[in-house]
Amino acid sequence: MTATDHALELVAVAAQAAHDKKADQVLAFDVSDQLAITDAFVLASANNERAVGAIVDEVEEKLREAGAKPIRREGHKEGRWVLLDYGEIVIHVQHEEERSFYALERLWSDCPLIPLTLA
């Protein structure tokens, strides 16, 4: 099983939006074989809470423009780790310290990376 075409389109939109707001280490994983609840994770980080918030706002705006509606949003108030759940994809925007400590890319390293073309 692999991520759906629609999920991959949403991944591309979210990743580009994060990149446009100067997110660091933007990665995407196809987690569809490991999780029944979502197809893909997008990971991005920033070096301060304000930048995390700006990235989250841009991702939400671009996904809204693409017709996607969030199911859940967690952590926005603290600005250290924000999770955006869109059903088919989940976006994690983390402060660099949380990214380093929780190391989600290591946790999901057995899942295939989704190639991103960020301009």
N, C-alpha and C. Protein backbone atom coordinates (compact mmCIF):
# COMPACT_ATOMS: atom_id res chain seq x y z
N MET A 1 0.85 -1.19 0.00
CA MET A 1 0.00 0.00 0.00
C MET A 1 0.89 1.24 0.00
N THR A 2 0.50 2.25 -0.74
CA THR A 2 1.23 3.50 -0.75
C THR A 2 0.26 4.66 -0.61
N ALA A 3 0.81 5.81 -0.30
CA ALA A 3 -0.01 7.01 -0.15
C ALA A 3 -0.79 7.28 -1.43
N THR A 4 -2.01 7.76 -1.27
CA THR A 4 -2.85 8.07 -2.42
C THR A 4 -2.30 9.27 -3.18
N ASP A 5 -2.71 9.39 -4.43
CA ASP A 5 -2.30 10.55 -5.23
C ASP A 5 -2.74 11.85 -4.57
N HIS A 6 -3.95 11.85 -4.02
CA HIS A 6 -4.44 13.06 -3.36
C HIS A 6 -3.58 13.41 -2.15
N ALA A 7 -3.21 12.41 -1.37
CA ALA A 7 -2.34 12.65 -0.21
C ALA A 7 -1.00 13.21 -0.67
N LEU A 8 -0.46 12.68 -1.75
CA LEU A 8 0.82 13.17 -2.26
C LEU A 8 0.70 14.62 -2.75
N GLU A 9 -0.44 14.97 -3.33
CA GLU A 9 -0.67 16.37 -3.73
C GLU A 9 -0.69 17.28 -2.51
N LEU A 10 -1.37 16.85 -1.45
CA LEU A 10 -1.42 17.65 -0.22
C LEU A 10 -0.04 17.76 0.42
N VAL A 11 0.73 16.68 0.37
CA VAL A 11 2.11 16.71 0.89
C VAL A 11 2.91 17.77 0.15
N ALA A 12 2.79 17.80 -1.17
CA ALA A 12 3.54 18.77 -1.97
C ALA A 12 3.15 20.20 -1.61
N VAL A 13 1.86 20.44 -1.43
CA VAL A 13 1.38 21.78 -1.07
C VAL A 13 1.90 22.18 0.30
N ALA A 14 1.77 21.28 1.28
CA ALA A 14 2.20 21.58 2.65
C ALA A 14 3.71 21.79 2.72
N ALA A 15 4.47 20.94 2.06
CA ALA A 15 5.93 21.04 2.09
C ALA A 15 6.40 22.34 1.44
N GLN A 16 5.79 22.70 0.31
CA GLN A 16 6.18 23.94 -0.36
C GLN A 16 5.82 25.15 0.49
N ALA A 17 4.66 25.12 1.13
CA ALA A 17 4.26 26.23 2.00
C ALA A 17 5.24 26.39 3.16
N ALA A 18 5.64 25.28 3.76
CA ALA A 18 6.61 25.33 4.86
C ALA A 18 7.95 25.88 4.36
N HIS A 19 8.38 25.40 3.21
CA HIS A 19 9.64 25.86 2.61
C HIS A 19 9.57 27.36 2.31
N ASP A 20 8.44 27.83 1.80
CA ASP A 20 8.27 29.25 1.48
C ASP A 20 8.42 30.13 2.71
N LYS A 21 8.10 29.60 3.88
CA LYS A 21 8.24 30.36 5.13
C LYS A 21 9.55 30.04 5.84
N LYS A 22 10.50 29.52 5.08
CA LYS A 22 11.87 29.28 5.56
C LYS A 22 11.98 28.18 6.60
N ALA A 23 11.10 27.18 6.52
CA ALA A 23 11.21 26.03 7.43
C ALA A 23 12.51 25.28 7.15
N ASP A 24 13.06 24.70 8.19
CA ASP A 24 14.27 23.89 8.08
C ASP A 24 13.90 22.42 7.96
N GLN A 25 14.74 21.66 7.29
CA GLN A 25 14.63 20.20 7.23
C GLN A 25 13.21 19.72 6.90
N VAL A 26 12.67 20.17 5.79
CA VAL A 26 11.33 19.74 5.38
C VAL A 26 11.45 18.35 4.76
N LEU A 27 10.77 17.39 5.37
CA LEU A 27 10.79 15.99 4.92
C LEU A 27 9.36 15.46 4.89
N ALA A 28 9.14 14.43 4.10
CA ALA A 28 7.85 13.76 4.09
C ALA A 28 8.06 12.26 4.03
N PHE A 29 7.26 11.53 4.78
CA PHE A 29 7.33 10.07 4.84
C PHE A 29 6.00 9.47 4.44
N ASP A 30 6.05 8.39 3.69
CA ASP A 30 4.87 7.60 3.38
C ASP A 30 4.71 6.59 4.51
N VAL A 31 3.72 6.83 5.37
CA VAL A 31 3.50 5.97 6.54
C VAL A 31 2.29 5.06 6.36
N SER A 32 1.80 4.97 5.11
CA SER A 32 0.57 4.22 4.86
C SER A 32 0.67 2.74 5.18
N ASP A 33 1.86 2.15 5.09
CA ASP A 33 2.02 0.74 5.45
C ASP A 33 2.06 0.52 6.95
N GLN A 34 2.42 1.56 7.69
CA GLN A 34 2.58 1.45 9.15
C GLN A 34 1.34 1.90 9.92
N LEU A 35 0.62 2.85 9.36
CA LEU A 35 -0.52 3.43 10.07
C LEU A 35 -1.78 3.35 9.21
N ALA A 36 -2.88 2.97 9.83
CA ALA A 36 -4.15 2.92 9.10
C ALA A 36 -4.85 4.28 9.11
N ILE A 37 -4.40 5.19 9.95
CA ILE A 37 -5.11 6.46 10.14
C ILE A 37 -4.67 7.58 9.22
N THR A 38 -3.52 7.45 8.57
CA THR A 38 -3.04 8.50 7.68
C THR A 38 -2.08 7.90 6.66
N ASP A 39 -1.86 8.63 5.56
CA ASP A 39 -0.97 8.14 4.51
C ASP A 39 0.45 8.70 4.62
N ALA A 40 0.55 9.95 5.10
CA ALA A 40 1.86 10.59 5.06
C ALA A 40 2.06 11.57 6.21
N PHE A 41 3.31 11.72 6.59
CA PHE A 41 3.74 12.73 7.56
C PHE A 41 4.61 13.74 6.83
N VAL A 42 4.41 15.00 7.14
CA VAL A 42 5.31 16.06 6.70
C VAL A 42 5.95 16.61 7.96
N LEU A 43 7.28 16.72 7.96
CA LEU A 43 8.02 17.27 9.10
C LEU A 43 8.71 18.55 8.67
N ALA A 44 8.67 19.55 9.53
CA ALA A 44 9.37 20.81 9.28
C ALA A 44 9.74 21.40 10.63
N SER A 45 10.77 22.24 10.64
CA SER A 45 11.17 22.85 11.90
C SER A 45 11.60 24.29 11.70
N ALA A 46 11.69 25.00 12.82
CA ALA A 46 12.13 26.39 12.84
C ALA A 46 12.86 26.64 14.15
N ASN A 47 13.61 27.74 14.21
CA ASN A 47 14.44 27.97 15.39
C ASN A 47 13.78 28.81 16.48
N ASN A 48 12.51 29.23 16.28
CA ASN A 48 11.81 29.93 17.35
C ASN A 48 10.31 29.75 17.20
N GLU A 49 9.58 30.05 18.26
CA GLU A 49 8.15 29.82 18.30
C GLU A 49 7.40 30.67 17.27
N ARG A 50 7.87 31.88 17.07
CA ARG A 50 7.22 32.76 16.10
C ARG A 50 7.31 32.20 14.68
N ALA A 51 8.47 31.68 14.34
CA ALA A 51 8.66 31.08 13.01
C ALA A 51 7.80 29.82 12.86
N VAL A 52 7.69 29.03 13.93
CA VAL A 52 6.82 27.85 13.90
C VAL A 52 5.39 28.30 13.57
N GLY A 53 4.92 29.35 14.24
CA GLY A 53 3.57 29.86 14.00
C GLY A 53 3.38 30.35 12.58
N ALA A 54 4.37 31.04 12.04
CA ALA A 54 4.28 31.54 10.66
C ALA A 54 4.22 30.39 9.66
N ILE A 55 5.00 29.36 9.90
CA ILE A 55 4.99 28.18 9.03
C ILE A 55 3.62 27.51 9.08
N VAL A 56 3.10 27.32 10.28
CA VAL A 56 1.79 26.69 10.45
C VAL A 56 0.71 27.49 9.74
N ASP A 57 0.73 28.81 9.91
CA ASP A 57 -0.28 29.66 9.26
C ASP A 57 -0.22 29.53 7.74
N GLU A 58 0.99 29.50 7.18
CA GLU A 58 1.15 29.39 5.73
C GLU A 58 0.69 28.02 5.22
N VAL A 59 1.04 26.97 5.95
CA VAL A 59 0.61 25.62 5.56
C VAL A 59 -0.91 25.54 5.58
N GLU A 60 -1.53 26.04 6.64
CA GLU A 60 -2.99 26.00 6.72
C GLU A 60 -3.64 26.79 5.59
N GLU A 61 -3.10 27.96 5.29
CA GLU A 61 -3.67 28.78 4.22
C GLU A 61 -3.57 28.09 2.86
N LYS A 62 -2.40 27.54 2.55
CA LYS A 62 -2.21 26.89 1.24
C LYS A 62 -3.04 25.62 1.13
N LEU A 63 -3.17 24.87 2.22
CA LEU A 63 -4.01 23.67 2.17
C LEU A 63 -5.49 24.04 2.05
N ARG A 64 -5.89 25.13 2.69
CA ARG A 64 -7.27 25.61 2.56
C ARG A 64 -7.55 26.00 1.10
N GLU A 65 -6.59 26.69 0.49
CA GLU A 65 -6.73 27.06 -0.93
C GLU A 65 -6.81 25.82 -1.82
N ALA A 66 -6.19 24.73 -1.39
CA ALA A 66 -6.22 23.47 -2.16
C ALA A 66 -7.48 22.66 -1.86
N GLY A 67 -8.35 23.19 -0.98
CA GLY A 67 -9.61 22.52 -0.68
C GLY A 67 -9.56 21.54 0.48
N ALA A 68 -8.45 21.51 1.20
CA ALA A 68 -8.31 20.58 2.33
C ALA A 68 -8.82 21.23 3.61
N LYS A 69 -9.47 20.43 4.43
CA LYS A 69 -9.98 20.93 5.71
C LYS A 69 -9.34 20.15 6.85
N PRO A 70 -8.84 20.87 7.86
CA PRO A 70 -8.19 20.18 8.98
C PRO A 70 -9.21 19.46 9.85
N ILE A 71 -8.77 18.32 10.36
CA ILE A 71 -9.58 17.56 11.31
C ILE A 71 -9.24 18.00 12.73
N ARG A 72 -7.95 18.24 12.95
CA ARG A 72 -7.48 18.57 14.29
C ARG A 72 -6.22 19.42 14.19
N ARG A 73 -6.05 20.28 15.19
CA ARG A 73 -4.85 21.11 15.31
C ARG A 73 -4.46 21.13 16.78
N GLU A 74 -3.21 20.78 17.05
CA GLU A 74 -2.76 20.73 18.44
C GLU A 74 -1.43 21.46 18.59
N GLY A 75 -1.25 22.11 19.75
CA GLY A 75 0.03 22.70 20.11
C GLY A 75 0.29 24.10 19.62
N HIS A 76 -0.69 24.72 18.97
CA HIS A 76 -0.44 26.04 18.38
C HIS A 76 -0.16 27.10 19.44
N LYS A 77 -0.83 27.00 20.56
CA LYS A 77 -0.67 28.00 21.62
C LYS A 77 0.76 28.07 22.13
N GLU A 78 1.39 26.92 22.31
CA GLU A 78 2.76 26.87 22.83
C GLU A 78 3.79 27.20 21.75
N GLY A 79 3.50 26.83 20.51
CA GLY A 79 4.40 27.13 19.41
C GLY A 79 5.69 26.33 19.40
N ARG A 80 5.72 25.21 20.09
CA ARG A 80 6.94 24.39 20.13
C ARG A 80 6.81 23.17 19.22
N TRP A 81 5.61 22.63 19.15
CA TRP A 81 5.33 21.48 18.27
C TRP A 81 3.87 21.56 17.90
N VAL A 82 3.60 21.89 16.66
CA VAL A 82 2.22 22.00 16.19
C VAL A 82 1.94 20.82 15.28
N LEU A 83 0.84 20.16 15.54
CA LEU A 83 0.40 19.04 14.73
C LEU A 83 -0.87 19.45 14.00
N LEU A 84 -0.84 19.30 12.68
CA LEU A 84 -2.01 19.59 11.85
C LEU A 84 -2.45 18.28 11.21
N ASP A 85 -3.66 17.85 11.54
CA ASP A 85 -4.18 16.57 11.03
C ASP A 85 -5.21 16.86 9.95
N TYR A 86 -4.90 16.41 8.74
CA TYR A 86 -5.80 16.56 7.59
C TYR A 86 -6.34 15.22 7.13
N GLY A 87 -6.30 14.23 8.00
CA GLY A 87 -6.80 12.90 7.64
C GLY A 87 -5.79 12.14 6.82
N GLU A 88 -5.67 12.47 5.55
CA GLU A 88 -4.73 11.77 4.66
C GLU A 88 -3.28 12.09 4.98
N ILE A 89 -3.05 13.30 5.49
CA ILE A 89 -1.69 13.67 5.87
C ILE A 89 -1.70 14.33 7.24
N VAL A 90 -0.58 14.23 7.93
CA VAL A 90 -0.38 14.90 9.21
C VAL A 90 0.91 15.71 9.09
N ILE A 91 0.83 16.98 9.46
CA ILE A 91 1.99 17.85 9.39
C ILE A 91 2.48 18.13 10.81
N HIS A 92 3.77 17.95 11.03
CA HIS A 92 4.41 18.26 12.30
C HIS A 92 5.35 19.44 12.07
N VAL A 93 5.08 20.57 12.71
CA VAL A 93 5.99 21.71 12.65
C VAL A 93 6.56 21.87 14.06
N GLN A 94 7.85 21.69 14.17
CA GLN A 94 8.49 21.65 15.48
C GLN A 94 9.56 22.72 15.63
N HIS A 95 9.73 23.17 16.87
CA HIS A 95 10.89 23.97 17.22
C HIS A 95 12.10 23.06 17.07
N GLU A 96 13.24 23.60 16.68
CA GLU A 96 14.45 22.78 16.46
C GLU A 96 14.78 21.87 17.65
N GLU A 97 14.58 22.40 18.86
CA GLU A 97 14.91 21.60 20.06
C GLU A 97 14.00 20.37 20.16
N GLU A 98 12.71 20.54 19.90
CA GLU A 98 11.79 19.40 19.93
C GLU A 98 12.11 18.44 18.80
N ARG A 99 12.44 18.98 17.65
CA ARG A 99 12.78 18.12 16.50
C ARG A 99 13.97 17.24 16.84
N SER A 100 14.97 17.83 17.43
CA SER A 100 16.17 17.08 17.80
C SER A 100 15.87 16.06 18.90
N PHE A 101 15.11 16.46 19.91
CA PHE A 101 14.83 15.59 21.05
C PHE A 101 13.95 14.40 20.65
N TYR A 102 12.86 14.66 19.93
CA TYR A 102 11.91 13.59 19.60
C TYR A 102 12.30 12.79 18.36
N ALA A 103 13.11 13.36 17.49
CA ALA A 103 13.69 12.67 16.33
C ALA A 103 12.68 11.80 15.59
N LEU A 104 11.60 12.42 15.14
CA LEU A 104 10.57 11.67 14.42
C LEU A 104 11.11 11.01 13.16
N GLU A 105 12.07 11.66 12.50
CA GLU A 105 12.61 11.03 11.29
C GLU A 105 13.34 9.73 11.60
N ARG A 106 13.90 9.61 12.78
CA ARG A 106 14.53 8.35 13.18
C ARG A 106 13.44 7.31 13.50
N LEU A 107 12.40 7.77 14.16
CA LEU A 107 11.29 6.88 14.52
C LEU A 107 10.62 6.29 13.28
N TRP A 108 10.51 7.08 12.21
CA TRP A 108 9.83 6.65 10.99
C TRP A 108 10.82 6.32 9.88
N SER A 109 12.07 6.07 10.21
CA SER A 109 13.11 5.84 9.19
C SER A 109 12.88 4.58 8.36
N ASP A 110 12.06 3.65 8.84
CA ASP A 110 11.78 2.46 8.05
C ASP A 110 10.68 2.71 7.00
N CYS A 111 10.10 3.91 7.01
CA CYS A 111 9.09 4.29 6.03
C CYS A 111 9.78 5.02 4.87
N PRO A 112 9.27 4.84 3.66
CA PRO A 112 9.91 5.51 2.52
C PRO A 112 9.74 7.03 2.56
N LEU A 113 10.81 7.72 2.22
CA LEU A 113 10.74 9.17 2.06
C LEU A 113 9.94 9.49 0.81
N ILE A 114 9.15 10.53 0.87
CA ILE A 114 8.44 11.01 -0.31
C ILE A 114 9.31 12.10 -0.92
N PRO A 115 9.69 11.93 -2.17
CA PRO A 115 10.54 12.95 -2.80
C PRO A 115 9.80 14.30 -2.89
N LEU A 116 10.49 15.36 -2.51
CA LEU A 116 9.93 16.70 -2.56
C LEU A 116 10.71 17.56 -3.54
N THR A 117 10.01 18.33 -4.33
CA THR A 117 10.65 19.29 -5.22
C THR A 117 10.27 20.66 -4.72
N LEU A 118 11.16 21.26 -3.94
CA LEU A 118 10.87 22.55 -3.31
C LEU A 118 11.59 23.66 -4.07
N ALA A 119 10.81 24.62 -4.52
CA ALA A 119 11.39 25.73 -5.31
C ALA A 119 11.43 27.01 -4.52
